[in-house]
Amino acid sequence: MTRGGLTAAEWERLRPFLPVSNGRCGRWRDHRPVIDGILHWVRTGGQWRDLPERFGPWKTVYERHRLWSADGTRERLLRQVQAAADAAGETDWDSAVGSTIVRAHQHAAGARSDPPPAPASKGAEAAEHQGETPWQSLLARLAEVVQEVRDWAARGAGSPANST
C-alpha cells in the first residue's frame, strides 16, 4: 500500500460493489491501482498525465474516472459503501462547516433588512394595507377572498334551483 491508497480492509469492503467486465470491450484493468490513482489525483489535484506509473497508464485511470462519473457508477459505489458502513455502525454523520469554506457572494454584503416600500400605484388597496408586511397583506387579501366565496355560496344556497 502506498501513502493515500486503499488499505487491504478498505479494498475488501469495496471490491464486491465494483463493476465487472461486460466482455464487449476487453478486460478491465485491475480496479485497485486505478482507484488508488483516482484517489491520488483527487488528493494532489495534479494533471492526469503526471500520475505516477505505479497506478498504470494515466489514460486508463482518467477514462475509468470519466466513465464512472458519467454513468453513475461512482455515486452508486458511494451510496452502497455508505449504506454498508452505516449498517455496521461505523459511520459518524456529525459534520461541521467552517466559515472559511462557505463563501458569500460579493454582493451579499449590505443587503436591506427592511422590506421595500409598497408601490403607490395600487390606489385605495395600497392605502388599506399600508404599514403591513407583504405576508400580512397577502393573508388579509386571502381572508377577503374566502369571505366573498362564503357570501356567494350562502346566496346561492338560499335561492331556488334553476331547472332547464
Protein backbone atom coordinates (compact mmCIF):
# COMPACT_ATOMS: atom_id res chain seq x y z
CA MET A 1 0.00 0.00 0.00
CA THR A 2 1.23 3.46 -0.84
CA ARG A 3 0.51 6.61 1.09
CA GLY A 4 -3.11 7.58 0.49
CA GLY A 5 -4.02 4.32 -1.22
CA LEU A 6 -6.63 1.81 -0.12
CA THR A 7 -5.81 -0.45 2.78
CA ALA A 8 -6.43 -4.19 2.43
CA ALA A 9 -9.57 -3.92 4.60
CA GLU A 10 -10.92 -0.99 2.56
CA TRP A 11 -10.24 -2.83 -0.67
CA GLU A 12 -12.05 -5.98 0.53
CA ARG A 13 -15.03 -3.88 1.58
CA LEU A 14 -15.16 -2.03 -1.77
CA ARG A 15 -14.47 -4.95 -4.14
CA PRO A 16 -17.98 -6.52 -4.13
CA PHE A 17 -19.53 -3.25 -5.32
CA LEU A 18 -17.20 -2.68 -8.28
CA PRO A 19 -18.45 -3.30 -11.81
CA VAL A 20 -17.26 -6.38 -13.67
CA SER A 21 -16.19 -6.61 -17.29
CA ASN A 22 -19.04 -6.91 -19.76
CA GLY A 23 -16.92 -8.84 -22.25
CA ARG A 24 -17.57 -6.41 -25.10
CA CYS A 25 -14.59 -4.12 -24.75
CA GLY A 26 -11.92 -6.44 -23.50
CA ARG A 27 -10.96 -6.99 -19.88
CA TRP A 28 -10.96 -4.27 -17.26
CA ARG A 29 -7.57 -3.41 -15.92
CA ASP A 30 -7.33 -4.31 -12.23
CA HIS A 31 -9.52 -1.85 -10.33
CA ARG A 32 -7.28 -1.39 -7.31
CA PRO A 33 -4.43 0.58 -8.91
CA VAL A 34 -6.97 2.57 -10.92
CA ILE A 35 -8.90 3.53 -7.77
CA ASP A 36 -5.64 4.34 -5.99
CA GLY A 37 -4.73 6.53 -8.99
CA ILE A 38 -8.07 8.34 -8.82
CA LEU A 39 -7.62 8.89 -5.08
CA HIS A 40 -4.08 10.19 -5.69
CA TRP A 41 -5.35 12.59 -8.36
CA VAL A 42 -8.16 13.85 -6.10
CA ARG A 43 -5.75 14.33 -3.19
CA THR A 44 -3.00 16.08 -5.14
CA GLY A 45 -5.05 17.89 -7.76
CA GLY A 46 -2.31 17.42 -10.35
CA GLN A 47 -2.53 16.73 -14.07
CA TRP A 48 -3.70 13.32 -15.21
CA ARG A 49 -0.53 12.94 -17.29
CA ASP A 50 1.56 13.41 -14.12
CA LEU A 51 0.16 10.34 -12.34
CA PRO A 52 2.96 8.08 -11.09
CA GLU A 53 3.47 4.92 -13.15
CA ARG A 54 2.54 2.65 -10.21
CA PHE A 55 -1.15 3.43 -10.96
CA GLY A 56 -0.85 2.20 -14.53
CA PRO A 57 -1.36 4.23 -17.68
CA TRP A 58 -2.72 7.68 -16.84
CA LYS A 59 -5.25 7.43 -19.67
CA THR A 60 -6.73 4.25 -18.19
CA VAL A 61 -7.18 5.94 -14.81
CA TYR A 62 -8.63 9.06 -16.45
CA GLU A 63 -11.03 7.14 -18.70
CA ARG A 64 -12.29 4.95 -15.84
CA HIS A 65 -12.85 8.04 -13.68
CA ARG A 66 -14.66 9.82 -16.52
CA LEU A 67 -16.79 6.78 -17.35
CA TRP A 68 -17.74 6.04 -13.74
CA SER A 69 -18.63 9.70 -13.16
CA ALA A 70 -20.78 9.86 -16.30
CA ASP A 71 -22.71 6.60 -15.92
CA GLY A 72 -23.44 6.97 -12.19
CA THR A 73 -21.14 4.17 -11.03
CA ARG A 74 -19.22 6.50 -8.72
CA GLU A 75 -22.41 7.71 -6.99
CA ARG A 76 -23.73 4.14 -6.73
CA LEU A 77 -20.45 2.97 -5.17
CA LEU A 78 -20.55 5.81 -2.68
CA ARG A 79 -24.16 5.06 -1.67
CA GLN A 80 -23.51 1.32 -1.30
CA VAL A 81 -20.34 1.75 0.75
CA GLN A 82 -22.03 4.37 2.96
CA ALA A 83 -25.04 2.12 3.49
CA ALA A 84 -22.83 -0.85 4.39
CA ALA A 85 -20.77 1.26 6.82
CA ASP A 86 -23.92 2.75 8.33
CA ALA A 87 -25.48 -0.69 8.80
CA ALA A 88 -22.31 -1.81 10.59
CA GLY A 89 -22.48 1.28 12.83
CA GLU A 90 -19.18 2.62 11.52
CA THR A 91 -20.47 5.94 10.20
CA ASP A 92 -20.36 9.17 12.16
CA TRP A 93 -22.83 11.54 10.49
CA ASP A 94 -21.75 14.58 12.50
CA SER A 95 -20.23 17.24 10.31
CA ALA A 96 -19.05 20.78 10.66
CA VAL A 97 -18.59 23.50 8.10
CA GLY A 98 -16.08 26.24 8.73
CA SER A 99 -16.74 29.80 7.74
CA THR A 100 -13.65 29.79 5.58
CA ILE A 101 -15.21 27.12 3.36
CA VAL A 102 -18.63 28.65 2.76
CA ARG A 103 -18.09 31.84 0.85
CA ALA A 104 -20.68 34.54 0.37
CA HIS A 105 -21.15 36.26 -2.94
CA GLN A 106 -19.50 39.66 -3.20
CA HIS A 107 -22.91 41.35 -3.42
CA ALA A 108 -24.21 39.62 -0.28
CA ALA A 109 -22.86 42.35 2.00
CA GLY A 110 -25.13 45.29 2.80
CA ALA A 111 -28.45 43.70 1.94
CA ARG A 112 -31.62 45.51 3.01
CA SER A 113 -33.14 44.34 6.27
CA ASP A 114 -36.49 46.13 5.85
CA PRO A 115 -38.99 45.34 3.07
CA PRO A 116 -39.15 47.71 0.10
CA PRO A 117 -41.90 50.36 0.20
CA ALA A 118 -45.21 49.40 -1.39
CA PRO A 119 -45.84 50.96 -4.81
CA ALA A 120 -48.24 53.92 -4.72
CA SER A 121 -49.97 52.98 -8.00
CA LYS A 122 -52.36 50.49 -6.39
CA GLY A 123 -54.77 53.22 -5.22
CA ALA A 124 -57.17 52.50 -2.36
CA GLU A 125 -55.93 48.96 -1.82
CA ALA A 126 -52.43 50.24 -1.05
CA ALA A 127 -53.82 52.71 1.49
CA GLU A 128 -55.96 49.98 3.07
CA HIS A 129 -53.00 47.69 3.73
CA GLN A 130 -50.37 50.35 4.33
CA GLY A 131 -47.99 49.54 7.19
CA GLU A 132 -48.41 45.77 6.73
CA THR A 133 -45.70 43.39 5.61
CA PRO A 134 -46.28 41.70 2.25
CA TRP A 135 -47.13 38.48 4.10
CA GLN A 136 -49.77 40.23 6.24
CA SER A 137 -51.20 41.90 3.15
CA LEU A 138 -51.45 38.54 1.38
CA LEU A 139 -53.18 36.96 4.38
CA ALA A 140 -55.63 39.87 4.60
CA ARG A 141 -56.48 39.59 0.89
CA LEU A 142 -56.85 35.81 1.22
CA ALA A 143 -59.29 36.31 4.12
CA GLU A 144 -61.29 38.76 1.98
CA VAL A 145 -61.50 36.27 -0.90
CA VAL A 146 -62.58 33.46 1.43
CA GLN A 147 -65.31 35.69 2.88
CA GLU A 148 -66.51 36.65 -0.64
CA VAL A 149 -66.74 32.95 -1.59
CA ARG A 150 -68.69 32.15 1.58
CA ASP A 151 -71.11 35.04 0.90
CA TRP A 152 -71.56 33.88 -2.70
CA ALA A 153 -72.17 30.28 -1.55
CA ALA A 154 -74.70 31.46 1.07
CA ARG A 155 -76.58 33.48 -1.55
CA GLY A 156 -76.59 30.50 -3.90
CA ALA A 157 -77.90 28.12 -1.22
CA GLY A 158 -80.82 30.44 -0.39
CA SER A 159 -82.08 30.84 -3.95
CA PRO A 160 -84.25 28.25 -5.68
CA ALA A 161 -82.56 25.79 -8.04
CA ASN A 162 -82.84 26.56 -11.73
CA SER A 163 -84.00 23.71 -13.90
CA THR A 164 -83.61 23.75 -17.63
